[in-house]
């Protein structure tokens, strides 16, 4: 009988020598599984940590109503946020959206993202939406700049400034 294997201080059971075979699925089981999978949100279009941070630190603080992952069905693309009315917000990560790079310096993924961004810009403009793009470094390093941009673009009056103007 084989002795248990001990690796770097933690006990591990010996591996079984038998390999389990996968059960073949019937067509109806495959269809059922696909239907169940389609009910779940697509993982590729989920909300990123940066988008969650943006929503919490800016939109929630301003009391803005928003919808996450607004779908532009005719171009099969999602916008990060749709604000009540006709305003869309895109949060652009510095690396993925190649901040400060010219097209020739971008890798293939960044070039694809640049083409998708251009498509989204065009769609928003042609469908009467105002599109606000906010860079990752501004969210992390210039929050006052982002807050001012949002107040200006969304016509939100700062309560502090409003009190000062009344006197």
Foldseek 3Di string as FASTA:
>chain_A
DDDFDDDPHDTDGDDDPDDDDDDDDDPVRVVVVVVVVVVDPDPVQDADPLLVLCCVPAVVVLVWDWDAFCAPVVVGHTFGIATPDQETEHEAECQQCVPPDDLVPHDPSNNVVVVVVVVVVVVSVVVVHHYHYHYSCCVVPPVVVVNVVCCVVVVRDDPVVVVVVVD
